[in-house]
Amino acid sequence: MIPPRRVPPKQPRPHRPTEAEEILGTEDASLLDIVDNLLNKGVVLTGDVTLGLAQIELVYARLSLLLSAADRVLPGENPDFIERHHARHELRKRRALAARMPRRTRA
């Protein structure tokens, strides 16, 4: 009688992370962590809208929406809202004043 061969147990394959796990990470995360991560990296949502009447397309629109944290889009902005508001207000006043002044003509 031939003794049965001992077959070593199969080693489980290493888990390849999915694309979502690569972006969000594999650790447990709360909804707040996920939203924070998405806003830091940025998300683009795209879609198409078609308005029609009697199976005739009248209006077609392709929409894209960028969701990102403001400091990622405008990295040089002053984080203080009040100072930023006053600086923009002063800039608008200077531009309005410059638009009212007559331009000098060259001789």
PDB file of N, CA and C in Angstrom:
ATOM      1  N   MET A   1       0.837  -1.177   0.000  1.00  0.00           N
ATOM      2  CA  MET A   1       0.000   0.000   0.000  1.00  0.00           C
ATOM      3  C   MET A   1       0.890   1.252   0.000  1.00  0.00           C
ATOM      4  N   ILE A   2       0.569   2.166  -0.863  1.00  0.00           N
ATOM      5  CA  ILE A   2       1.345   3.407  -0.997  1.00  0.00           C
ATOM      6  C   ILE A   2       0.748   4.448  -0.045  1.00  0.00           C
ATOM      7  N   PRO A   3       1.599   5.041   0.793  1.00  0.00           N
ATOM      8  CA  PRO A   3       1.068   6.071   1.699  1.00  0.00           C
ATOM      9  C   PRO A   3       0.668   7.325   0.918  1.00  0.00           C
ATOM     10  N   PRO A   4      -0.398   8.006   1.322  1.00  0.00           N
ATOM     11  CA  PRO A   4      -0.806   9.224   0.593  1.00  0.00           C
ATOM     12  C   PRO A   4       0.260  10.311   0.724  1.00  0.00           C
ATOM     13  N   ARG A   5       0.396  11.059  -0.373  1.00  0.00           N
ATOM     14  CA  ARG A   5       1.367  12.159  -0.362  1.00  0.00           C
ATOM     15  C   ARG A   5       0.819  13.311   0.466  1.00  0.00           C
ATOM     16  N   ARG A   6       1.710  13.916   1.167  1.00  0.00           N
ATOM     17  CA  ARG A   6       1.315  15.100   1.942  1.00  0.00           C
ATOM     18  C   ARG A   6       1.457  16.320   1.050  1.00  0.00           C
ATOM     19  N   VAL A   7       0.404  17.000   0.851  1.00  0.00           N
ATOM     20  CA  VAL A   7       0.408  18.215   0.043  1.00  0.00           C
ATOM     21  C   VAL A   7       0.423  19.405   1.004  1.00  0.00           C
ATOM     22  N   PRO A   8       1.418  20.279   0.833  1.00  0.00           N
ATOM     23  CA  PRO A   8       1.442  21.429   1.736  1.00  0.00           C
ATOM     24  C   PRO A   8       0.216  22.314   1.487  1.00  0.00           C
ATOM     25  N   PRO A   9      -0.303  22.938   2.541  1.00  0.00           N
ATOM     26  CA  PRO A   9      -1.468  23.810   2.339  1.00  0.00           C
ATOM     27  C   PRO A   9      -1.131  24.981   1.432  1.00  0.00           C
ATOM     28  N   LYS A  10      -2.127  25.388   0.642  1.00  0.00           N
ATOM     29  CA  LYS A  10      -1.930  26.518  -0.276  1.00  0.00           C
ATOM     30  C   LYS A  10      -1.771  27.801   0.515  1.00  0.00           C
ATOM     31  N   GLN A  11      -0.811  28.568   0.084  1.00  0.00           N
ATOM     32  CA  GLN A  11      -0.603  29.873   0.695  1.00  0.00           C
ATOM     33  C   GLN A  11      -1.586  30.855   0.054  1.00  0.00           C
ATOM     34  N   PRO A  12      -2.269  31.632   0.867  1.00  0.00           N
ATOM     35  CA  PRO A  12      -3.187  32.607   0.262  1.00  0.00           C
ATOM     36  C   PRO A  12      -2.411  33.650  -0.523  1.00  0.00           C
ATOM     37  N   ARG A  13      -3.018  34.038  -1.626  1.00  0.00           N
ATOM     38  CA  ARG A  13      -2.393  35.083  -2.450  1.00  0.00           C
ATOM     39  C   ARG A  13      -2.400  36.408  -1.701  1.00  0.00           C
ATOM     40  N   PRO A  14      -1.348  37.189  -1.899  1.00  0.00           N
ATOM     41  CA  PRO A  14      -1.383  38.509  -1.264  1.00  0.00           C
ATOM     42  C   PRO A  14      -2.525  39.343  -1.856  1.00  0.00           C
ATOM     43  N   HIS A  15      -3.216  40.049  -0.988  1.00  0.00           N
ATOM     44  CA  HIS A  15      -4.368  40.866  -1.404  1.00  0.00           C
ATOM     45  C   HIS A  15      -3.883  42.091  -2.163  1.00  0.00           C
ATOM     46  N   ARG A  16      -4.339  42.217  -3.411  1.00  0.00           N
ATOM     47  CA  ARG A  16      -4.027  43.430  -4.181  1.00  0.00           C
ATOM     48  C   ARG A  16      -5.075  44.470  -3.856  1.00  0.00           C
ATOM     49  N   PRO A  17      -4.655  45.648  -3.411  1.00  0.00           N
ATOM     50  CA  PRO A  17      -5.651  46.663  -3.069  1.00  0.00           C
ATOM     51  C   PRO A  17      -6.380  47.168  -4.313  1.00  0.00           C
ATOM     52  N   THR A  18      -7.652  47.435  -4.128  1.00  0.00           N
ATOM     53  CA  THR A  18      -8.439  47.995  -5.221  1.00  0.00           C
ATOM     54  C   THR A  18      -8.057  49.457  -5.411  1.00  0.00           C
ATOM     55  N   GLU A  19      -8.539  50.031  -6.499  1.00  0.00           N
ATOM     56  CA  GLU A  19      -8.239  51.438  -6.775  1.00  0.00           C
ATOM     57  C   GLU A  19      -8.791  52.336  -5.665  1.00  0.00           C
ATOM     58  N   ALA A  20      -9.981  52.014  -5.179  1.00  0.00           N
ATOM     59  CA  ALA A  20     -10.573  52.798  -4.095  1.00  0.00           C
ATOM     60  C   ALA A  20      -9.729  52.691  -2.834  1.00  0.00           C
ATOM     61  N   GLU A  21      -9.204  51.486  -2.533  1.00  0.00           N
ATOM     62  CA  GLU A  21      -8.354  51.320  -1.356  1.00  0.00           C
ATOM     63  C   GLU A  21      -7.041  52.073  -1.500  1.00  0.00           C
ATOM     64  N   GLU A  22      -6.513  52.139  -2.721  1.00  0.00           N
ATOM     65  CA  GLU A  22      -5.280  52.892  -2.948  1.00  0.00           C
ATOM     66  C   GLU A  22      -5.500  54.375  -2.698  1.00  0.00           C
ATOM     67  N   ILE A  23      -6.660  54.879  -3.098  1.00  0.00           N
ATOM     68  CA  ILE A  23      -6.941  56.307  -2.934  1.00  0.00           C
ATOM     69  C   ILE A  23      -7.305  56.625  -1.492  1.00  0.00           C
ATOM     70  N   LEU A  24      -8.211  55.840  -0.921  1.00  0.00           N
ATOM     71  CA  LEU A  24      -8.734  56.147   0.404  1.00  0.00           C
ATOM     72  C   LEU A  24      -7.932  55.513   1.528  1.00  0.00           C
ATOM     73  N   GLY A  25      -7.144  54.481   1.238  1.00  0.00           N
ATOM     74  CA  GLY A  25      -6.406  53.772   2.272  1.00  0.00           C
ATOM     75  C   GLY A  25      -7.205  52.575   2.751  1.00  0.00           C
ATOM     76  N   THR A  26      -6.527  51.637   3.376  1.00  0.00           N
ATOM     77  CA  THR A  26      -7.188  50.408   3.803  1.00  0.00           C
ATOM     78  C   THR A  26      -7.634  50.447   5.254  1.00  0.00           C
ATOM     79  N   GLU A  27      -7.153  51.403   6.027  1.00  0.00           N
ATOM     80  CA  GLU A  27      -7.550  51.463   7.434  1.00  0.00           C
ATOM     81  C   GLU A  27      -9.003  51.905   7.551  1.00  0.00           C
ATOM     82  N   ASP A  28      -9.596  51.559   8.697  1.00  0.00           N
ATOM     83  CA  ASP A  28     -10.980  51.983   8.939  1.00  0.00           C
ATOM     84  C   ASP A  28     -11.030  53.503   8.981  1.00  0.00           C
ATOM     85  N   ALA A  29     -12.015  54.054   8.327  1.00  0.00           N
ATOM     86  CA  ALA A  29     -12.125  55.508   8.279  1.00  0.00           C
ATOM     87  C   ALA A  29     -13.576  55.899   8.496  1.00  0.00           C
ATOM     88  N   SER A  30     -13.745  57.021   9.144  1.00  0.00           N
ATOM     89  CA  SER A  30     -15.095  57.535   9.330  1.00  0.00           C
ATOM     90  C   SER A  30     -15.497  58.307   8.073  1.00  0.00           C
ATOM     91  N   LEU A  31     -16.736  58.674   7.999  1.00  0.00           N
ATOM     92  CA  LEU A  31     -17.217  59.456   6.855  1.00  0.00           C
ATOM     93  C   LEU A  31     -16.472  60.781   6.762  1.00  0.00           C
ATOM     94  N   LEU A  32     -16.182  61.375   7.912  1.00  0.00           N
ATOM     95  CA  LEU A  32     -15.439  62.636   7.932  1.00  0.00           C
ATOM     96  C   LEU A  32     -14.041  62.452   7.342  1.00  0.00           C
ATOM     97  N   ASP A  33     -13.367  61.341   7.662  1.00  0.00           N
ATOM     98  CA  ASP A  33     -12.043  61.074   7.102  1.00  0.00           C
ATOM     99  C   ASP A  33     -12.116  60.919   5.585  1.00  0.00           C
ATOM    100  N   ILE A  34     -13.135  60.237   5.111  1.00  0.00           N
ATOM    101  CA  ILE A  34     -13.282  60.013   3.671  1.00  0.00           C
ATOM    102  C   ILE A  34     -13.537  61.328   2.945  1.00  0.00           C
ATOM    103  N   VAL A  35     -14.442  62.149   3.462  1.00  0.00           N
ATOM    104  CA  VAL A  35     -14.739  63.445   2.830  1.00  0.00           C
ATOM    105  C   VAL A  35     -13.508  64.341   2.857  1.00  0.00           C
ATOM    106  N   ASP A  36     -12.782  64.360   3.972  1.00  0.00           N
ATOM    107  CA  ASP A  36     -11.569  65.167   4.068  1.00  0.00           C
ATOM    108  C   ASP A  36     -10.539  64.724   3.044  1.00  0.00           C
ATOM    109  N   ASN A  37     -10.362  63.423   2.899  1.00  0.00           N
ATOM    110  CA  ASN A  37      -9.411  62.896   1.933  1.00  0.00           C
ATOM    111  C   ASN A  37      -9.822  63.249   0.502  1.00  0.00           C
ATOM    112  N   LEU A  38     -11.111  63.119   0.194  1.00  0.00           N
ATOM    113  CA  LEU A  38     -11.591  63.454  -1.147  1.00  0.00           C
ATOM    114  C   LEU A  38     -11.398  64.931  -1.459  1.00  0.00           C
ATOM    115  N   LEU A  39     -11.679  65.803  -0.500  1.00  0.00           N
ATOM    116  CA  LEU A  39     -11.523  67.234  -0.740  1.00  0.00           C
ATOM    117  C   LEU A  39     -10.056  67.621  -0.869  1.00  0.00           C
ATOM    118  N   ASN A  40      -9.178  66.948  -0.127  1.00  0.00           N
ATOM    119  CA  ASN A  40      -7.750  67.243  -0.246  1.00  0.00           C
ATOM    120  C   ASN A  40      -7.209  66.827  -1.605  1.00  0.00           C
ATOM    121  N   LYS A  41      -7.680  65.716  -2.130  1.00  0.00           N
ATOM    122  CA  LYS A  41      -7.205  65.244  -3.422  1.00  0.00           C
ATOM    123  C   LYS A  41      -8.002  65.850  -4.578  1.00  0.00           C
ATOM    124  N   GLY A  42      -9.284  66.123  -4.357  1.00  0.00           N
ATOM    125  CA  GLY A  42     -10.139  66.666  -5.397  1.00  0.00           C
ATOM    126  C   GLY A  42     -10.887  65.566  -6.123  1.00  0.00           C
ATOM    127  N   VAL A  43     -12.103  65.857  -6.521  1.00  0.00           N
ATOM    128  CA  VAL A  43     -12.950  64.908  -7.229  1.00  0.00           C
ATOM    129  C   VAL A  43     -13.602  65.655  -8.382  1.00  0.00           C
ATOM    130  N   VAL A  44     -13.651  65.016  -9.542  1.00  0.00           N
ATOM    131  CA  VAL A  44     -14.340  65.598 -10.698  1.00  0.00           C
ATOM    132  C   VAL A  44     -15.546  64.725 -11.010  1.00  0.00           C
ATOM    133  N   LEU A  45     -16.720  65.322 -11.019  1.00  0.00           N
ATOM    134  CA  LEU A  45     -17.948  64.629 -11.388  1.00  0.00           C
ATOM    135  C   LEU A  45     -18.363  65.133 -12.768  1.00  0.00           C
ATOM    136  N   THR A  46     -18.672  64.214 -13.665  1.00  0.00           N
ATOM    137  CA  THR A  46     -19.097  64.611 -15.006  1.00  0.00           C
ATOM    138  C   THR A  46     -20.417  63.933 -15.328  1.00  0.00           C
ATOM    139  N   GLY A  47     -21.169  64.578 -16.198  1.00  0.00           N
ATOM    140  CA  GLY A  47     -22.442  64.011 -16.610  1.00  0.00           C
ATOM    141  C   GLY A  47     -22.953  64.700 -17.855  1.00  0.00           C
ATOM    142  N   ASP A  48     -23.909  64.070 -18.484  1.00  0.00           N
ATOM    143  CA  ASP A  48     -24.533  64.620 -19.685  1.00  0.00           C
ATOM    144  C   ASP A  48     -26.018  64.795 -19.423  1.00  0.00           C
ATOM    145  N   VAL A  49     -26.550  65.909 -19.925  1.00  0.00           N
ATOM    146  CA  VAL A  49     -27.980  66.195 -19.802  1.00  0.00           C
ATOM    147  C   VAL A  49     -28.515  66.452 -21.201  1.00  0.00           C
ATOM    148  N   THR A  50     -29.585  65.753 -21.539  1.00  0.00           N
ATOM    149  CA  THR A  50     -30.218  65.949 -22.839  1.00  0.00           C
ATOM    150  C   THR A  50     -31.696  66.246 -22.613  1.00  0.00           C
ATOM    151  N   LEU A  51     -32.145  67.377 -23.143  1.00  0.00           N
ATOM    152  CA  LEU A  51     -33.557  67.731 -23.083  1.00  0.00           C
ATOM    153  C   LEU A  51     -34.144  67.551 -24.473  1.00  0.00           C
ATOM    154  N   GLY A  52     -35.253  66.854 -24.525  1.00  0.00           N
ATOM    155  CA  GLY A  52     -35.847  66.596 -25.818  1.00  0.00           C
ATOM    156  C   GLY A  52     -37.359  66.621 -25.754  1.00  0.00           C
ATOM    157  N   LEU A  53     -37.938  66.655 -26.934  1.00  0.00           N
ATOM    158  CA  LEU A  53     -39.389  66.670 -27.069  1.00  0.00           C
ATOM    159  C   LEU A  53     -39.728  65.772 -28.255  1.00  0.00           C
ATOM    160  N   ALA A  54     -40.594  64.816 -28.046  1.00  0.00           N
ATOM    161  CA  ALA A  54     -41.034  63.887 -29.093  1.00  0.00           C
ATOM    162  C   ALA A  54     -39.826  63.180 -29.724  1.00  0.00           C
ATOM    163  N   GLN A  55     -38.921  62.712 -28.880  1.00  0.00           N
ATOM    164  CA  GLN A  55     -37.719  61.999 -29.278  1.00  0.00           C
ATOM    165  C   GLN A  55     -36.813  62.814 -30.197  1.00  0.00           C
ATOM    166  N   ILE A  56     -36.874  64.138 -30.063  1.00  0.00           N
ATOM    167  CA  ILE A  56     -35.978  65.032 -30.792  1.00  0.00           C
ATOM    168  C   ILE A  56     -35.156  65.773 -29.741  1.00  0.00           C
ATOM    169  N   GLU A  57     -33.843  65.615 -29.829  1.00  0.00           N
ATOM    170  CA  GLU A  57     -32.974  66.274 -28.860  1.00  0.00           C
ATOM    171  C   GLU A  57     -32.929  67.766 -29.154  1.00  0.00           C
ATOM    172  N   LEU A  58     -33.315  68.558 -28.174  1.00  0.00           N
ATOM    173  CA  LEU A  58     -33.317  70.009 -28.333  1.00  0.00           C
ATOM    174  C   LEU A  58     -32.101  70.658 -27.687  1.00  0.00           C
ATOM    175  N   VAL A  59     -31.748  70.201 -26.501  1.00  0.00           N
ATOM    176  CA  VAL A  59     -30.621  70.779 -25.770  1.00  0.00           C
ATOM    177  C   VAL A  59     -29.761  69.639 -25.250  1.00  0.00           C
ATOM    178  N   TYR A  60     -28.455  69.752 -25.471  1.00  0.00           N
ATOM    179  CA  TYR A  60     -27.503  68.790 -24.935  1.00  0.00           C
ATOM    180  C   TYR A  60     -26.458  69.563 -24.154  1.00  0.00           C
ATOM    181  N   ALA A  61     -26.177  69.143 -22.941  1.00  0.00           N
ATOM    182  CA  ALA A  61     -25.171  69.816 -22.121  1.00  0.00           C
ATOM    183  C   ALA A  61     -24.286  68.772 -21.464  1.00  0.00           C
ATOM    184  N   ARG A  62     -23.002  68.998 -21.531  1.00  0.00           N
ATOM    185  CA  ARG A  62     -22.040  68.162 -20.808  1.00  0.00           C
ATOM    186  C   ARG A  62     -21.580  68.981 -19.606  1.00  0.00           C
ATOM    187  N   LEU A  63     -21.755  68.422 -18.428  1.00  0.00           N
ATOM    188  CA  LEU A  63     -21.458  69.125 -17.193  1.00  0.00           C
ATOM    189  C   LEU A  63     -20.266  68.482 -16.496  1.00  0.00           C
ATOM    190  N   SER A  64     -19.404  69.313 -15.925  1.00  0.00           N
ATOM    191  CA  SER A  64     -18.297  68.840 -15.103  1.00  0.00           C
ATOM    192  C   SER A  64     -18.274  69.669 -13.839  1.00  0.00           C
ATOM    193  N   LEU A  65     -18.066  69.006 -12.730  1.00  0.00           N
ATOM    194  CA  LEU A  65     -18.061  69.674 -11.437  1.00  0.00           C
ATOM    195  C   LEU A  65     -16.797  69.261 -10.699  1.00  0.00           C
ATOM    196  N   LEU A  66     -16.028  70.244 -10.244  1.00  0.00           N
ATOM    197  CA  LEU A  66     -14.816  69.974  -9.483  1.00  0.00           C
ATOM    198  C   LEU A  66     -15.096  70.246  -8.017  1.00  0.00           C
ATOM    199  N   LEU A  67     -14.918  69.233  -7.186  1.00  0.00           N
ATOM    200  CA  LEU A  67     -15.054  69.381  -5.741  1.00  0.00           C
ATOM    201  C   LEU A  67     -13.662  69.273  -5.145  1.00  0.00           C
ATOM    202  N   SER A  68     -13.235  70.331  -4.500  1.00  0.00           N
ATOM    203  CA  SER A  68     -11.911  70.342  -3.912  1.00  0.00           C
ATOM    204  C   SER A  68     -11.884  71.367  -2.797  1.00  0.00           C
ATOM    205  N   ALA A  69     -10.937  71.214  -1.901  1.00  0.00           N
ATOM    206  CA  ALA A  69     -10.760  72.202  -0.850  1.00  0.00           C
ATOM    207  C   ALA A  69     -10.246  73.492  -1.475  1.00  0.00           C
ATOM    208  N   ALA A  70     -10.719  74.628  -0.982  1.00  0.00           N
ATOM    209  CA  ALA A  70     -10.353  75.916  -1.564  1.00  0.00           C
ATOM    210  C   ALA A  70      -8.857  76.177  -1.477  1.00  0.00           C
ATOM    211  N   ASP A  71      -8.197  75.716  -0.415  1.00  0.00           N
ATOM    212  CA  ASP A  71      -6.765  75.972  -0.312  1.00  0.00           C
ATOM    213  C   ASP A  71      -5.966  75.162  -1.331  1.00  0.00           C
ATOM    214  N   ARG A  72      -6.571  74.142  -1.933  1.00  0.00           N
ATOM    215  CA  ARG A  72      -5.905  73.397  -3.007  1.00  0.00           C
ATOM    216  C   ARG A  72      -6.042  74.139  -4.327  1.00  0.00           C
ATOM    217  N   VAL A  73      -7.168  74.781  -4.544  1.00  0.00           N
ATOM    218  CA  VAL A  73      -7.411  75.491  -5.795  1.00  0.00           C
ATOM    219  C   VAL A  73      -6.717  76.848  -5.783  1.00  0.00           C
ATOM    220  N   LEU A  74      -6.744  77.539  -4.638  1.00  0.00           N
ATOM    221  CA  LEU A  74      -6.149  78.864  -4.488  1.00  0.00           C
ATOM    222  C   LEU A  74      -5.077  78.820  -3.399  1.00  0.00           C
ATOM    223  N   PRO A  75      -3.912  78.206  -3.673  1.00  0.00           N
ATOM    224  CA  PRO A  75      -2.931  78.019  -2.604  1.00  0.00           C
ATOM    225  C   PRO A  75      -2.322  79.314  -2.095  1.00  0.00           C
ATOM    226  N   GLY A  76      -2.329  80.390  -2.878  1.00  0.00           N
ATOM    227  CA  GLY A  76      -1.715  81.635  -2.439  1.00  0.00           C
ATOM    228  C   GLY A  76      -2.654  82.565  -1.697  1.00  0.00           C
ATOM    229  N   GLU A  77      -3.900  82.163  -1.518  1.00  0.00           N
ATOM    230  CA  GLU A  77      -4.891  83.015  -0.866  1.00  0.00           C
ATOM    231  C   GLU A  77      -4.592  83.166   0.617  1.00  0.00           C
ATOM    232  N   ASN A  78      -4.914  84.341   1.127  1.00  0.00           N
ATOM    233  CA  ASN A  78      -4.788  84.605   2.554  1.00  0.00           C
ATOM    234  C   ASN A  78      -5.870  83.805   3.280  1.00  0.00           C
ATOM    235  N   PRO A  79      -5.504  83.031   4.304  1.00  0.00           N
ATOM    236  CA  PRO A  79      -6.516  82.213   4.977  1.00  0.00           C
ATOM    237  C   PRO A  79      -7.520  83.023   5.797  1.00  0.00           C
ATOM    238  N   ASP A  80      -7.172  84.270   6.140  1.00  0.00           N
ATOM    239  CA  ASP A  80      -8.086  85.101   6.927  1.00  0.00           C
ATOM    240  C   ASP A  80      -9.123  85.723   5.994  1.00  0.00           C
ATOM    241  N   PHE A  81     -10.393  85.370   6.183  1.00  0.00           N
ATOM    242  CA  PHE A  81     -11.459  85.827   5.293  1.00  0.00           C
ATOM    243  C   PHE A  81     -11.606  87.349   5.325  1.00  0.00           C
ATOM    244  N   ILE A  82     -11.567  87.957   6.501  1.00  0.00           N
ATOM    245  CA  ILE A  82     -11.778  89.404   6.622  1.00  0.00           C
ATOM    246  C   ILE A  82     -10.683  90.175   5.882  1.00  0.00           C
ATOM    247  N   GLU A  83      -9.425  89.801   6.074  1.00  0.00           N
ATOM    248  CA  GLU A  83      -8.324  90.479   5.371  1.00  0.00           C
ATOM    249  C   GLU A  83      -8.458  90.295   3.860  1.00  0.00           C
ATOM    250  N   ARG A  84      -8.812  89.083   3.430  1.00  0.00           N
ATOM    251  CA  ARG A  84      -8.986  88.815   1.996  1.00  0.00           C
ATOM    252  C   ARG A  84     -10.115  89.662   1.417  1.00  0.00           C
ATOM    253  N   HIS A  85     -11.218  89.798   2.180  1.00  0.00           N
ATOM    254  CA  HIS A  85     -12.357  90.601   1.732  1.00  0.00           C
ATOM    255  C   HIS A  85     -11.955  92.066   1.573  1.00  0.00           C
ATOM    256  N   HIS A  86     -11.247  92.606   2.566  1.00  0.00           N
ATOM    257  CA  HIS A  86     -10.837  94.014   2.493  1.00  0.00           C
ATOM    258  C   HIS A  86      -9.857  94.245   1.336  1.00  0.00           C
ATOM    259  N   ALA A  87      -8.942  93.315   1.109  1.00  0.00           N
ATOM    260  CA  ALA A  87      -7.991  93.467   0.005  1.00  0.00           C
ATOM    261  C   ALA A  87      -8.719  93.470  -1.338  1.00  0.00           C
ATOM    262  N   ARG A  88      -9.700  92.597  -1.517  1.00  0.00           N
ATOM    263  CA  ARG A  88     -10.464  92.577  -2.769  1.00  0.00           C
ATOM    264  C   ARG A  88     -11.305  93.833  -2.922  1.00  0.00           C
ATOM    265  N   HIS A  89     -11.876  94.304  -1.822  1.00  0.00           N
ATOM    266  CA  HIS A  89     -12.683  95.521  -1.858  1.00  0.00           C
ATOM    267  C   HIS A  89     -11.820  96.717  -2.280  1.00  0.00           C
ATOM    268  N   GLU A  90     -10.622  96.832  -1.719  1.00  0.00           N
ATOM    269  CA  GLU A  90      -9.710  97.924  -2.092  1.00  0.00           C
ATOM    270  C   GLU A  90      -9.301  97.815  -3.557  1.00  0.00           C
ATOM    271  N   LEU A  91      -9.058  96.612  -4.032  1.00  0.00           N
ATOM    272  CA  LEU A  91      -8.688  96.417  -5.431  1.00  0.00           C
ATOM    273  C   LEU A  91      -9.820  96.849  -6.355  1.00  0.00           C
ATOM    274  N   ARG A  92     -11.060  96.514  -6.006  1.00  0.00           N
ATOM    275  CA  ARG A  92     -12.211  96.938  -6.816  1.00  0.00           C
ATOM    276  C   ARG A  92     -12.342  98.455  -6.840  1.00  0.00           C
ATOM    277  N   LYS A  93     -12.132  99.091  -5.687  1.00  0.00           N
ATOM    278  CA  LYS A  93     -12.220 100.553  -5.638  1.00  0.00           C
ATOM    279  C   LYS A  93     -11.150 101.193  -6.521  1.00  0.00           C
ATOM    280  N   ARG A  94      -9.918 100.680  -6.487  1.00  0.00           N
ATOM    281  CA  ARG A  94      -8.836 101.234  -7.322  1.00  0.00           C
ATOM    282  C   ARG A  94      -9.145 101.042  -8.799  1.00  0.00           C
ATOM    283  N   ARG A  95      -9.684  99.881  -9.168  1.00  0.00           N
ATOM    284  CA  ARG A  95     -10.014  99.640 -10.575  1.00  0.00           C
ATOM    285  C   ARG A  95     -11.136 100.553 -11.049  1.00  0.00           C
ATOM    286  N   ALA A  96     -12.149 100.752 -10.206  1.00  0.00           N
ATOM    287  CA  ALA A  96     -13.255 101.640 -10.569  1.00  0.00           C
ATOM    288  C   ALA A  96     -12.757 103.066 -10.719  1.00  0.00           C
ATOM    289  N   LEU A  97     -11.869 103.506  -9.826  1.00  0.00           N
ATOM    290  CA  LEU A  97     -11.315 104.859  -9.902  1.00  0.00           C
ATOM    291  C   LEU A  97     -10.470 105.014 -11.160  1.00  0.00           C
ATOM    292  N   ALA A  98      -9.675 104.003 -11.486  1.00  0.00           N
ATOM    293  CA  ALA A  98      -8.834 104.062 -12.685  1.00  0.00           C
ATOM    294  C   ALA A  98      -9.689 104.071 -13.948  1.00  0.00           C
ATOM    295  N   ALA A  99     -10.833 103.404 -13.937  1.00  0.00           N
ATOM    296  CA  ALA A  99     -11.705 103.377 -15.120  1.00  0.00           C
ATOM    297  C   ALA A  99     -12.365 104.730 -15.344  1.00  0.00           C
ATOM    298  N   ARG A 100     -12.597 105.498 -14.271  1.00  0.00           N
ATOM    299  CA  ARG A 100     -13.237 106.818 -14.408  1.00  0.00           C
ATOM    300  C   ARG A 100     -12.271 107.897 -14.865  1.00  0.00           C
ATOM    301  N   MET A 101     -10.995 107.737 -14.596  1.00  0.00           N
ATOM    302  CA  MET A 101     -10.024 108.776 -14.948  1.00  0.00           C
ATOM    303  C   MET A 101      -9.785 108.769 -16.450  1.00  0.00           C
ATOM    304  N   PRO A 102      -9.700 109.955 -17.044  1.00  0.00           N
ATOM    305  CA  PRO A 102      -9.429 110.009 -18.493  1.00  0.00           C
ATOM    306  C   PRO A 102      -8.000 109.539 -18.767  1.00  0.00           C
ATOM    307  N   ARG A 103      -7.867 108.860 -19.890  1.00  0.00           N
ATOM    308  CA  ARG A 103      -6.527 108.379 -20.260  1.00  0.00           C
ATOM    309  C   ARG A 103      -5.752 109.490 -20.931  1.00  0.00           C
ATOM    310  N   ARG A 104      -4.468 109.510 -20.644  1.00  0.00           N
ATOM    311  CA  ARG A 104      -3.618 110.534 -21.282  1.00  0.00           C
ATOM    312  C   ARG A 104      -3.279 110.091 -22.693  1.00  0.00           C
ATOM    313  N   THR A 105      -3.265 111.043 -23.596  1.00  0.00           N
ATOM    314  CA  THR A 105      -2.897 110.727 -24.973  1.00  0.00           C
ATOM    315  C   THR A 105      -1.447 111.109 -25.181  1.00  0.00           C
ATOM    316  N   ARG A 106      -0.767 110.331 -25.956  1.00  0.00           N
ATOM    317  CA  ARG A 106       0.630 110.626 -26.241  1.00  0.00           C
ATOM    318  C   ARG A 106       0.718 111.639 -27.358  1.00  0.00           C
ATOM    319  N   ALA A 107       1.675 112.533 -27.216  1.00  0.00           N
ATOM    320  CA  ALA A 107       1.852 113.585 -28.234  1.00  0.00           C
ATOM    321  C   ALA A 107       2.824 113.159 -29.275  1.00  0.00           C
TER     322      ALA A 107
END
